[in-house]
Protein backbone atom coordinates (compact mmCIF):
# COMPACT_ATOMS: atom_id res chain seq x y z
CA PHE A 1 11.67 -166.23 122.55
CA TYR A 2 8.90 -166.61 125.12
CA PRO A 3 6.59 -163.62 125.54
CA SER A 4 6.48 -163.94 129.33
CA ASP A 5 8.21 -165.60 132.27
CA GLU A 6 5.02 -167.61 132.75
CA ASP A 7 5.32 -169.03 129.22
CA LEU A 8 9.01 -169.80 129.77
CA GLY A 9 8.20 -171.58 133.04
CA ARG A 10 5.47 -173.62 131.38
CA ALA A 11 7.86 -174.63 128.57
CA LYS A 12 10.54 -175.68 131.05
CA ARG A 13 8.06 -177.69 133.11
CA THR A 14 6.75 -179.44 130.00
CA PHE A 15 10.31 -180.22 128.91
CA PHE A 16 11.40 -181.71 132.23
CA GLU A 17 8.16 -183.63 132.76
CA GLY A 18 8.60 -185.09 129.29
CA ILE A 19 12.04 -186.39 130.25
CA LEU A 20 10.61 -188.18 133.28
CA ARG A 21 7.88 -189.76 131.14
CA PHE A 22 10.31 -190.67 128.38
CA LEU A 23 12.87 -192.67 130.37
CA PRO A 24 10.56 -195.50 131.49
CA TRP A 25 9.06 -195.75 127.98
CA MET A 26 12.55 -195.93 126.47
CA ALA A 27 13.50 -198.71 128.90
CA THR A 28 10.34 -200.62 128.01
CA ILE A 29 10.95 -200.35 124.27
CA ASP A 30 14.64 -201.23 124.56
CA LEU A 31 13.99 -204.29 126.71
CA PHE A 32 11.18 -205.40 124.43
CA GLN A 33 13.42 -205.10 121.36
CA HIS A 34 16.08 -207.07 123.21
CA TRP A 35 13.53 -209.76 124.10
CA ILE A 36 12.38 -209.96 120.46
CA TYR A 37 15.92 -210.54 119.20
CA THR A 38 16.83 -213.06 121.91
CA HIS A 39 13.66 -215.09 121.37
CA PRO A 40 13.60 -215.53 117.57
CA GLY A 41 11.13 -218.42 117.60
CA HIS A 42 8.55 -216.72 119.80
CA THR A 43 4.84 -216.85 119.09
CA ALA A 44 2.48 -213.88 118.88
CA ALA A 45 1.05 -214.89 122.26
CA GLN A 46 4.53 -214.99 123.84
CA ARG A 47 5.35 -211.59 122.31
CA ARG A 48 2.15 -210.15 123.76
CA GLU A 49 2.90 -211.67 127.16
CA ALA A 50 6.45 -210.28 127.16
CA TRP A 51 5.23 -206.80 126.21
CA LEU A 52 2.55 -206.75 128.89
CA ALA A 53 5.07 -207.93 131.50
CA LEU A 54 7.36 -205.03 130.61
CA LEU A 55 4.47 -202.57 130.76
CA GLY A 56 3.65 -203.97 134.18
CA ARG A 57 7.24 -203.35 135.26
CA PHE A 58 7.81 -199.89 133.77
CA GLY A 59 4.35 -198.54 132.92
CA SER A 60 2.35 -196.12 134.98
CA LYS A 61 0.16 -197.67 137.65
CA ALA A 62 -2.04 -194.57 137.54
CA VAL A 63 -3.51 -195.32 134.12
CA ASP A 64 -6.70 -197.38 133.98
CA TRP A 65 -6.71 -199.38 130.74
CA THR A 66 -10.14 -200.91 131.32
CA GLY A 67 -11.85 -201.23 127.97
CA HIS A 68 -8.58 -200.51 126.14
CA GLU A 69 -6.69 -203.72 126.81
CA GLU A 70 -6.04 -204.37 123.12
CA ALA A 71 -4.56 -200.89 122.62
CA ARG A 72 -2.26 -201.48 125.60
CA ALA A 73 -1.21 -204.91 124.34
CA THR A 74 -0.29 -203.54 120.91
CA ALA A 75 1.15 -200.13 121.89
CA TRP A 76 4.61 -201.27 120.84
CA HIS A 77 3.48 -201.19 117.18
CA ARG A 78 3.77 -197.40 117.13
CA GLN A 79 7.47 -197.44 118.05
CA LEU A 80 10.04 -197.74 115.27
CA HIS A 81 13.36 -197.09 117.03
CA TYR A 82 14.00 -195.33 120.27
CA ILE A 83 17.21 -196.19 122.05
CA GLU A 84 19.05 -193.50 120.09
CA TYR A 85 16.87 -190.86 121.75
CA GLY A 86 17.52 -192.41 125.13
CA ILE A 87 21.26 -192.31 124.56
CA ALA A 88 21.05 -188.66 123.50
CA GLN A 89 18.96 -187.79 126.55
CA LEU A 90 21.39 -189.65 128.83
CA GLY A 91 24.25 -187.50 127.54
CA ALA A 92 22.28 -184.26 127.50
CA LEU A 93 21.11 -184.62 131.10
CA GLN A 94 24.58 -185.43 132.36
CA LEU A 95 26.05 -182.52 130.44
CA TRP A 96 23.35 -180.21 131.84
CA GLN A 97 24.15 -181.40 135.36
CA ARG A 98 27.91 -180.98 134.85
CA PHE A 99 27.35 -177.54 133.33
CA ARG A 100 25.39 -176.44 136.40
CA ASP A 101 28.25 -177.60 138.65
CA ASP A 102 31.24 -176.37 136.60
CA ARG A 103 30.51 -174.55 133.35
CA GLU A 104 34.09 -174.21 132.17
CA ASP A 105 35.02 -177.85 132.72
CA ALA A 106 31.76 -179.10 131.22
CA LEU A 107 32.23 -177.02 128.06
CA ARG A 108 35.93 -177.87 127.76
CA ARG A 109 35.30 -181.61 128.01
CA TYR A 110 32.27 -181.46 125.72
CA ARG A 111 34.24 -179.62 123.05
CA GLY A 112 37.03 -182.17 123.42
CA ALA A 113 34.57 -184.99 122.82
CA LEU A 114 33.13 -183.18 119.78
CA GLU A 115 36.62 -182.79 118.34
CA LEU A 116 36.96 -186.57 118.33
CA GLY A 117 33.97 -186.79 116.00
CA GLY A 118 33.42 -190.29 114.68
CA THR A 119 36.95 -191.44 115.42
CA ARG A 120 35.94 -193.19 118.66
CA PRO A 121 33.05 -195.41 119.69
CA LEU A 122 30.18 -193.75 121.53
CA PRO A 123 31.19 -194.90 125.05
CA ALA A 124 34.63 -193.32 124.50
CA LEU A 125 33.01 -190.06 123.37
CA PHE A 126 30.88 -190.01 126.51
CA GLU A 127 33.99 -190.65 128.60
CA ALA A 128 35.88 -187.85 126.85
CA ALA A 129 33.03 -185.50 127.78
CA GLY A 130 33.22 -186.68 131.40
CA LEU A 131 29.92 -188.54 131.10
CA ARG A 132 28.88 -192.10 131.86
CA PHE A 133 27.52 -194.35 129.13
CA ALA A 134 25.29 -196.51 131.31
CA PHE A 135 21.58 -196.87 131.91
CA ASP A 136 22.08 -198.10 135.45
CA ARG A 137 20.75 -196.87 138.78
CA ALA A 138 24.04 -195.12 139.61
CA THR A 139 23.80 -193.02 136.44
CA LEU A 140 20.06 -192.45 136.11
CA GLY A 141 19.28 -191.99 139.81
CA PRO A 142 21.09 -188.66 140.21
CA LEU A 143 19.80 -187.42 136.84
CA VAL A 144 16.17 -188.15 137.70
CA ALA A 145 16.70 -186.57 141.12
CA ALA A 146 18.14 -183.44 139.48
CA VAL A 147 15.18 -183.19 137.09
CA ALA A 148 12.73 -183.74 139.96
CA ALA A 149 14.47 -181.01 141.99
CA GLU A 150 14.28 -178.67 139.00
CA LEU A 151 10.55 -179.35 138.70
CA ASP A 152 10.03 -178.86 142.44
CA ALA A 153 11.75 -175.48 142.24
CA MET A 154 9.43 -174.29 139.48
CA PRO A 155 6.17 -172.53 140.21
CA ALA A 156 3.18 -174.79 139.63
């Protein structure tokens, strides 16, 4: 598919870097949506304050928003839904990690989960595949470390 190893390496790097950028954004959006639904009587000012607090928690400290404060305060407008992508990425990264450790077991369990189709709730499908359905430090920490190690192993 790629005309050269250099192009393949660049595509892999872009893919893995995108994952590392995506996870904090997904957490920000998910927590903001949760805040919206748990504060039904909030004002526009409170909504803005909540969003900016989440950006302060999860957003990059390397970006200088000087002169673009309004764009930062309303960046959530561009997001329709997102947690579904986060859930998919959570499963895909764990499956990738399991596959690297034990291909046969990873494929066997994944196929078993696929055979269940829509007969079980999503956490049960993750469990059937040998994956965790949790966005906690114990689950995400090793996945982010694996992606970081993959990036470190790639030529710059």
